[in-house]
Amino acid sequence: MAAPTITPTKAKTITMDEGSNNLTFELNAEAIRLILKALTFQLERWPGGPDPREQEDLQKLRSLFYAAQLECQFNSGSDDLA
């Protein structure tokens, strides 16, 4: 199993209209798997909170990372989904 690799592709932060900061990363398959695992863990133990948008955002991120994991598996020819 390869060690997770997370490499920022740019050293600068881009400011968007809403005032939020966005960063661009390059992630290998292992890093994607670990982030997906952490997102799933957090959602399974969701404690609630004053802003339900946080849970919705976590669900969107989990879907994005699941799609990324499937893309990695497709590109590598792997049948392993875990």
N, C-alpha and C. Protein backbone atom coordinates (compact mmCIF):
# COMPACT_ATOMS: atom_id res chain seq x y z
N MET A 1 0.85 -1.16 0.00
CA MET A 1 0.00 0.00 0.00
C MET A 1 0.90 1.24 0.00
N ALA A 2 0.66 2.14 -0.91
CA ALA A 2 1.47 3.35 -1.02
C ALA A 2 1.12 4.33 0.10
N ALA A 3 2.11 5.07 0.54
CA ALA A 3 1.88 6.09 1.55
C ALA A 3 1.05 7.21 0.95
N PRO A 4 0.14 7.81 1.73
CA PRO A 4 -0.66 8.91 1.21
C PRO A 4 0.23 10.08 0.79
N THR A 5 -0.09 10.65 -0.34
CA THR A 5 0.64 11.81 -0.82
C THR A 5 -0.34 12.94 -1.06
N ILE A 6 -0.12 14.04 -0.39
CA ILE A 6 -0.95 15.23 -0.56
C ILE A 6 -0.01 16.37 -0.91
N THR A 7 -0.12 16.87 -2.11
CA THR A 7 0.79 17.91 -2.58
C THR A 7 -0.01 19.10 -3.07
N PRO A 8 0.16 20.27 -2.45
CA PRO A 8 -0.52 21.45 -2.98
C PRO A 8 0.01 21.75 -4.38
N THR A 9 -0.90 22.00 -5.32
CA THR A 9 -0.46 22.28 -6.68
C THR A 9 -0.08 23.74 -6.88
N LYS A 10 -0.56 24.59 -6.00
CA LYS A 10 -0.24 26.01 -6.08
C LYS A 10 0.04 26.53 -4.68
N ALA A 11 0.93 27.47 -4.58
CA ALA A 11 1.28 28.03 -3.28
C ALA A 11 0.36 29.16 -2.89
N LYS A 12 -0.47 29.63 -3.80
CA LYS A 12 -1.32 30.77 -3.47
C LYS A 12 -2.74 30.33 -3.19
N THR A 13 -3.46 31.15 -2.49
CA THR A 13 -4.87 30.95 -2.19
C THR A 13 -5.67 31.87 -3.10
N ILE A 14 -6.73 31.36 -3.67
CA ILE A 14 -7.59 32.15 -4.55
C ILE A 14 -8.83 32.55 -3.77
N THR A 15 -9.12 33.83 -3.71
CA THR A 15 -10.29 34.31 -3.00
C THR A 15 -11.48 34.35 -3.94
N MET A 16 -12.59 33.77 -3.52
CA MET A 16 -13.78 33.70 -4.34
C MET A 16 -14.76 34.81 -3.93
N ASP A 17 -15.85 34.93 -4.63
CA ASP A 17 -16.84 35.99 -4.39
C ASP A 17 -17.38 36.01 -2.96
N GLU A 18 -17.61 34.84 -2.39
CA GLU A 18 -18.18 34.76 -1.05
C GLU A 18 -17.15 35.02 0.04
N GLY A 19 -15.93 35.31 -0.35
CA GLY A 19 -14.89 35.55 0.63
C GLY A 19 -14.25 34.27 1.14
N SER A 20 -14.57 33.13 0.54
CA SER A 20 -13.98 31.88 0.98
C SER A 20 -12.66 31.65 0.25
N ASN A 21 -11.78 30.88 0.87
CA ASN A 21 -10.49 30.54 0.27
C ASN A 21 -10.56 29.13 -0.29
N ASN A 22 -9.98 28.95 -1.47
CA ASN A 22 -9.93 27.64 -2.10
C ASN A 22 -8.49 27.26 -2.34
N LEU A 23 -8.18 26.00 -2.09
CA LEU A 23 -6.86 25.45 -2.35
C LEU A 23 -7.01 24.29 -3.31
N THR A 24 -6.02 24.09 -4.15
CA THR A 24 -6.03 22.96 -5.08
C THR A 24 -4.97 21.97 -4.63
N PHE A 25 -5.35 20.69 -4.53
CA PHE A 25 -4.45 19.64 -4.09
C PHE A 25 -4.40 18.54 -5.14
N GLU A 26 -3.26 17.85 -5.18
CA GLU A 26 -3.15 16.60 -5.92
C GLU A 26 -3.07 15.50 -4.88
N LEU A 27 -3.96 14.51 -4.99
CA LEU A 27 -4.02 13.42 -4.02
C LEU A 27 -3.83 12.09 -4.72
N ASN A 28 -3.06 11.19 -4.10
CA ASN A 28 -2.97 9.85 -4.66
C ASN A 28 -4.16 9.03 -4.15
N ALA A 29 -4.31 7.82 -4.65
CA ALA A 29 -5.45 6.99 -4.31
C ALA A 29 -5.55 6.71 -2.81
N GLU A 30 -4.42 6.52 -2.16
CA GLU A 30 -4.44 6.23 -0.71
C GLU A 30 -4.92 7.44 0.08
N ALA A 31 -4.50 8.63 -0.30
CA ALA A 31 -4.96 9.85 0.39
C ALA A 31 -6.47 10.02 0.20
N ILE A 32 -6.95 9.76 -1.00
CA ILE A 32 -8.39 9.86 -1.27
C ILE A 32 -9.15 8.86 -0.41
N ARG A 33 -8.62 7.64 -0.30
CA ARG A 33 -9.27 6.61 0.52
C ARG A 33 -9.34 7.03 1.98
N LEU A 34 -8.25 7.59 2.50
CA LEU A 34 -8.23 8.01 3.91
C LEU A 34 -9.18 9.17 4.18
N ILE A 35 -9.25 10.12 3.27
CA ILE A 35 -10.17 11.25 3.45
C ILE A 35 -11.61 10.76 3.37
N LEU A 36 -11.90 9.86 2.44
CA LEU A 36 -13.24 9.29 2.34
C LEU A 36 -13.61 8.55 3.63
N LYS A 37 -12.67 7.81 4.16
CA LYS A 37 -12.90 7.09 5.43
C LYS A 37 -13.21 8.06 6.56
N ALA A 38 -12.48 9.16 6.64
CA ALA A 38 -12.70 10.16 7.68
C ALA A 38 -14.06 10.85 7.52
N LEU A 39 -14.43 11.18 6.28
CA LEU A 39 -15.73 11.80 6.04
C LEU A 39 -16.86 10.86 6.41
N THR A 40 -16.73 9.60 6.07
CA THR A 40 -17.75 8.61 6.40
C THR A 40 -17.87 8.45 7.91
N PHE A 41 -16.74 8.39 8.59
CA PHE A 41 -16.72 8.29 10.05
C PHE A 41 -17.46 9.48 10.68
N GLN A 42 -17.15 10.67 10.21
CA GLN A 42 -17.77 11.89 10.76
C GLN A 42 -19.28 11.89 10.53
N LEU A 43 -19.71 11.51 9.34
CA LEU A 43 -21.15 11.50 9.05
C LEU A 43 -21.89 10.43 9.84
N GLU A 44 -21.26 9.28 10.06
CA GLU A 44 -21.91 8.23 10.84
C GLU A 44 -22.11 8.65 12.30
N ARG A 45 -21.28 9.52 12.77
CA ARG A 45 -21.34 9.97 14.17
C ARG A 45 -21.76 11.42 14.27
N TRP A 46 -22.54 11.88 13.31
CA TRP A 46 -22.96 13.28 13.26
C TRP A 46 -23.71 13.64 14.54
N PRO A 47 -23.20 14.62 15.31
CA PRO A 47 -23.84 14.98 16.57
C PRO A 47 -24.96 15.99 16.42
N GLY A 48 -25.20 16.46 15.22
CA GLY A 48 -26.17 17.53 15.03
C GLY A 48 -25.46 18.87 15.20
N GLY A 49 -26.21 19.89 15.18
CA GLY A 49 -25.60 21.20 15.34
C GLY A 49 -26.55 22.29 14.88
N PRO A 50 -26.14 23.53 15.13
CA PRO A 50 -27.03 24.64 14.79
C PRO A 50 -27.16 24.89 13.28
N ASP A 51 -26.22 24.40 12.49
CA ASP A 51 -26.25 24.66 11.06
C ASP A 51 -26.26 23.34 10.27
N PRO A 52 -27.43 22.93 9.76
CA PRO A 52 -27.50 21.66 9.03
C PRO A 52 -26.73 21.69 7.71
N ARG A 53 -26.33 22.86 7.25
CA ARG A 53 -25.56 22.94 6.01
C ARG A 53 -24.20 22.25 6.16
N GLU A 54 -23.68 22.20 7.37
CA GLU A 54 -22.41 21.52 7.59
C GLU A 54 -22.53 20.03 7.25
N GLN A 55 -23.62 19.41 7.70
CA GLN A 55 -23.84 18.00 7.38
C GLN A 55 -24.04 17.82 5.88
N GLU A 56 -24.78 18.72 5.26
CA GLU A 56 -24.99 18.65 3.81
C GLU A 56 -23.67 18.78 3.06
N ASP A 57 -22.81 19.69 3.52
CA ASP A 57 -21.50 19.87 2.89
C ASP A 57 -20.63 18.62 3.04
N LEU A 58 -20.69 17.99 4.22
CA LEU A 58 -19.94 16.75 4.43
C LEU A 58 -20.45 15.65 3.51
N GLN A 59 -21.76 15.59 3.30
CA GLN A 59 -22.32 14.58 2.40
C GLN A 59 -21.86 14.82 0.96
N LYS A 60 -21.82 16.08 0.54
CA LYS A 60 -21.34 16.42 -0.80
C LYS A 60 -19.87 16.05 -0.96
N LEU A 61 -19.07 16.36 0.07
CA LEU A 61 -17.65 16.01 0.02
C LEU A 61 -17.45 14.51 -0.03
N ARG A 62 -18.23 13.78 0.75
CA ARG A 62 -18.12 12.33 0.74
C ARG A 62 -18.45 11.77 -0.64
N SER A 63 -19.48 12.30 -1.28
CA SER A 63 -19.84 11.86 -2.63
C SER A 63 -18.72 12.18 -3.62
N LEU A 64 -18.13 13.35 -3.48
CA LEU A 64 -17.03 13.75 -4.36
C LEU A 64 -15.84 12.81 -4.19
N PHE A 65 -15.47 12.50 -2.95
CA PHE A 65 -14.32 11.63 -2.71
C PHE A 65 -14.63 10.18 -3.07
N TYR A 66 -15.89 9.75 -2.94
CA TYR A 66 -16.26 8.41 -3.38
C TYR A 66 -16.11 8.31 -4.90
N ALA A 67 -16.56 9.34 -5.61
CA ALA A 67 -16.40 9.35 -7.06
C ALA A 67 -14.92 9.35 -7.45
N ALA A 68 -14.11 10.10 -6.70
CA ALA A 68 -12.67 10.13 -6.98
C ALA A 68 -12.05 8.76 -6.74
N GLN A 69 -12.49 8.08 -5.68
CA GLN A 69 -11.98 6.74 -5.39
C GLN A 69 -12.35 5.77 -6.51
N LEU A 70 -13.57 5.84 -6.98
CA LEU A 70 -14.00 4.98 -8.08
C LEU A 70 -13.20 5.27 -9.35
N GLU A 71 -12.93 6.54 -9.59
CA GLU A 71 -12.13 6.93 -10.75
C GLU A 71 -10.72 6.35 -10.66
N CYS A 72 -10.13 6.40 -9.47
CA CYS A 72 -8.79 5.82 -9.27
C CYS A 72 -8.82 4.32 -9.51
N GLN A 73 -9.84 3.65 -9.01
CA GLN A 73 -9.95 2.21 -9.19
C GLN A 73 -10.16 1.85 -10.66
N PHE A 74 -10.96 2.64 -11.35
CA PHE A 74 -11.18 2.40 -12.76
C PHE A 74 -9.87 2.56 -13.55
N ASN A 75 -9.13 3.63 -13.22
CA ASN A 75 -7.87 3.88 -13.92
C ASN A 75 -6.80 2.85 -13.61
N SER A 76 -6.86 2.27 -12.41
CA SER A 76 -5.85 1.26 -12.04
C SER A 76 -6.29 -0.15 -12.40
N GLY A 77 -7.55 -0.31 -12.76
CA GLY A 77 -8.07 -1.63 -13.09
C GLY A 77 -8.35 -2.49 -11.88
N SER A 78 -8.44 -1.87 -10.68
CA SER A 78 -8.66 -2.59 -9.44
C SER A 78 -10.13 -2.88 -9.23
N ASP A 79 -10.43 -4.07 -8.68
CA ASP A 79 -11.80 -4.42 -8.32
C ASP A 79 -12.08 -4.16 -6.85
N ASP A 80 -11.07 -3.76 -6.09
CA ASP A 80 -11.19 -3.55 -4.65
C ASP A 80 -11.88 -2.22 -4.38
N LEU A 81 -13.04 -2.24 -3.71
CA LEU A 81 -13.78 -1.02 -3.42
C LEU A 81 -13.51 -0.47 -2.02
N ALA A 82 -12.71 -1.14 -1.22
CA ALA A 82 -12.49 -0.67 0.15
C ALA A 82 -11.17 0.00 0.31
